[in-house]
Amino acid sequence: MLELQSRPTLEGSQPLSEDEICDQVLGRRPYYSKGLGWGPKPKARRTTSASSSSTSCLQSTQKKIELQAKLNEALERIQVQDRNHQALASQSETNAKADRRLHSCTTGTTT
């Protein structure tokens, strides 16, 4: 086993994993699968787990992106409402000044 671990790999190739080394040294134990009979023990669980994990990570990332987009839209709506509020406040102030001037003109007083 140590010999396989220390063996140099060809350029561009991956070194053997621990599972692959164990398979070469010990061989694969037969496994009975109902309906299929005897065969090599499947490694699908480890692959399924990794696949499930990456799928879960991908879904989490997609959800995060969706939530960030919704947050950005909400912030933009708030900014638009804030600008509208400021414009209305300014218009209200202008109208109040005009009303005071009109009132002073009609009553003959100055402010």
Protein backbone atom coordinates (compact mmCIF):
# COMPACT_ATOMS: atom_id res chain seq x y z
CA MET A 1 0.00 0.00 0.00
CA LEU A 2 2.82 2.39 0.88
CA GLU A 3 4.50 1.47 -2.38
CA LEU A 4 1.43 2.56 -4.36
CA GLN A 5 1.23 5.83 -2.40
CA SER A 6 4.86 6.69 -3.01
CA ARG A 7 4.82 5.70 -6.69
CA PRO A 8 5.30 8.79 -8.93
CA THR A 9 2.42 9.72 -11.21
CA LEU A 10 2.61 10.55 -14.88
CA GLU A 11 2.54 14.24 -15.71
CA GLY A 12 -1.04 15.48 -15.91
CA SER A 13 -2.51 12.43 -14.17
CA GLN A 14 -4.07 12.31 -10.72
CA PRO A 15 -2.48 10.26 -7.91
CA LEU A 16 -4.48 7.26 -6.75
CA SER A 17 -7.01 7.95 -4.00
CA GLU A 18 -6.98 5.90 -0.80
CA ASP A 19 -10.06 3.99 -2.00
CA GLU A 20 -8.40 3.13 -5.31
CA ILE A 21 -5.24 1.96 -3.52
CA CYS A 22 -7.33 -0.20 -1.16
CA ASP A 23 -9.19 -1.69 -4.14
CA GLN A 24 -5.89 -2.60 -5.83
CA VAL A 25 -4.30 -4.03 -2.66
CA LEU A 26 -7.29 -5.79 -1.10
CA GLY A 27 -9.57 -6.24 -4.09
CA ARG A 28 -13.30 -5.54 -4.09
CA ARG A 29 -15.52 -7.68 -1.91
CA PRO A 30 -18.54 -9.18 -3.63
CA TYR A 31 -21.87 -7.69 -2.67
CA TYR A 32 -25.32 -9.19 -3.13
CA SER A 33 -27.89 -6.86 -4.62
CA LYS A 34 -31.45 -8.12 -4.57
CA GLY A 35 -32.64 -8.66 -8.11
CA LEU A 36 -29.14 -8.27 -9.57
CA GLY A 37 -27.24 -11.03 -7.77
CA TRP A 38 -23.60 -10.95 -6.71
CA GLY A 39 -21.33 -8.19 -7.89
CA PRO A 40 -18.83 -5.61 -6.72
CA LYS A 41 -19.83 -3.44 -3.78
CA PRO A 42 -21.21 -0.18 -5.15
CA LYS A 43 -19.50 3.11 -4.36
CA ALA A 44 -22.60 5.11 -5.25
CA ARG A 45 -23.27 6.28 -1.70
CA ARG A 46 -20.13 8.38 -1.51
CA THR A 47 -20.78 9.82 -4.97
CA THR A 48 -24.44 10.44 -4.14
CA SER A 49 -23.46 12.20 -0.94
CA ALA A 50 -21.00 14.45 -2.75
CA SER A 51 -23.55 15.08 -5.51
CA SER A 52 -26.24 15.82 -2.95
CA SER A 53 -23.91 18.16 -1.12
CA SER A 54 -22.98 20.07 -4.28
CA THR A 55 -26.66 20.25 -5.30
CA SER A 56 -27.53 21.60 -1.88
CA CYS A 57 -24.71 24.15 -2.12
CA LEU A 58 -25.87 25.19 -5.59
CA GLN A 59 -29.47 25.60 -4.41
CA SER A 60 -28.27 27.63 -1.44
CA THR A 61 -26.22 29.90 -3.70
CA GLN A 62 -29.16 30.36 -6.09
CA LYS A 63 -31.45 31.23 -3.17
CA LYS A 64 -28.89 33.74 -1.91
CA ILE A 65 -28.72 35.36 -5.36
CA GLU A 66 -32.54 35.55 -5.55
CA LEU A 67 -32.76 37.11 -2.08
CA GLN A 68 -30.04 39.62 -2.92
CA ALA A 69 -31.94 40.63 -6.08
CA LYS A 70 -35.15 41.10 -4.06
CA LEU A 71 -33.25 43.15 -1.49
CA ASN A 72 -31.77 45.35 -4.23
CA GLU A 73 -35.25 45.91 -5.71
CA ALA A 74 -36.66 46.84 -2.30
CA LEU A 75 -33.80 49.27 -1.67
CA GLU A 76 -34.37 50.88 -5.06
CA ARG A 77 -38.10 51.30 -4.30
CA ILE A 78 -37.21 52.90 -0.95
CA GLN A 79 -34.82 55.32 -2.66
CA VAL A 80 -37.50 56.30 -5.20
CA GLN A 81 -40.03 56.83 -2.40
CA ASP A 82 -37.50 58.92 -0.47
CA ARG A 83 -36.85 61.13 -3.52
CA ASN A 84 -40.62 61.52 -4.03
CA HIS A 85 -41.06 62.42 -0.36
CA GLN A 86 -38.30 65.05 -0.57
CA ALA A 87 -39.85 66.53 -3.72
CA LEU A 88 -43.28 66.68 -2.06
CA ALA A 89 -41.82 68.28 1.08
CA SER A 90 -40.06 70.89 -1.04
CA GLN A 91 -43.24 71.57 -3.02
CA SER A 92 -45.22 71.84 0.21
CA GLU A 93 -42.71 74.36 1.59
CA THR A 94 -42.89 76.38 -1.64
CA ASN A 95 -46.69 76.36 -1.48
CA ALA A 96 -46.63 77.49 2.16
CA LYS A 97 -44.36 80.43 1.27
CA ALA A 98 -46.65 81.37 -1.62
CA ASP A 99 -49.67 81.21 0.69
CA ARG A 100 -47.95 83.50 3.23
CA ARG A 101 -47.07 86.00 0.49
CA LEU A 102 -50.60 85.88 -0.87
CA HIS A 103 -52.02 86.33 2.61
CA SER A 104 -49.71 89.28 3.28
CA CYS A 105 -50.70 90.88 -0.04
CA THR A 106 -54.40 90.53 0.67
CA THR A 107 -54.12 91.78 4.26
CA GLY A 108 -51.56 94.44 3.50
CA THR A 109 -48.96 93.13 5.97
CA THR A 110 -45.38 92.19 5.19
CA THR A 111 -43.53 89.20 6.51
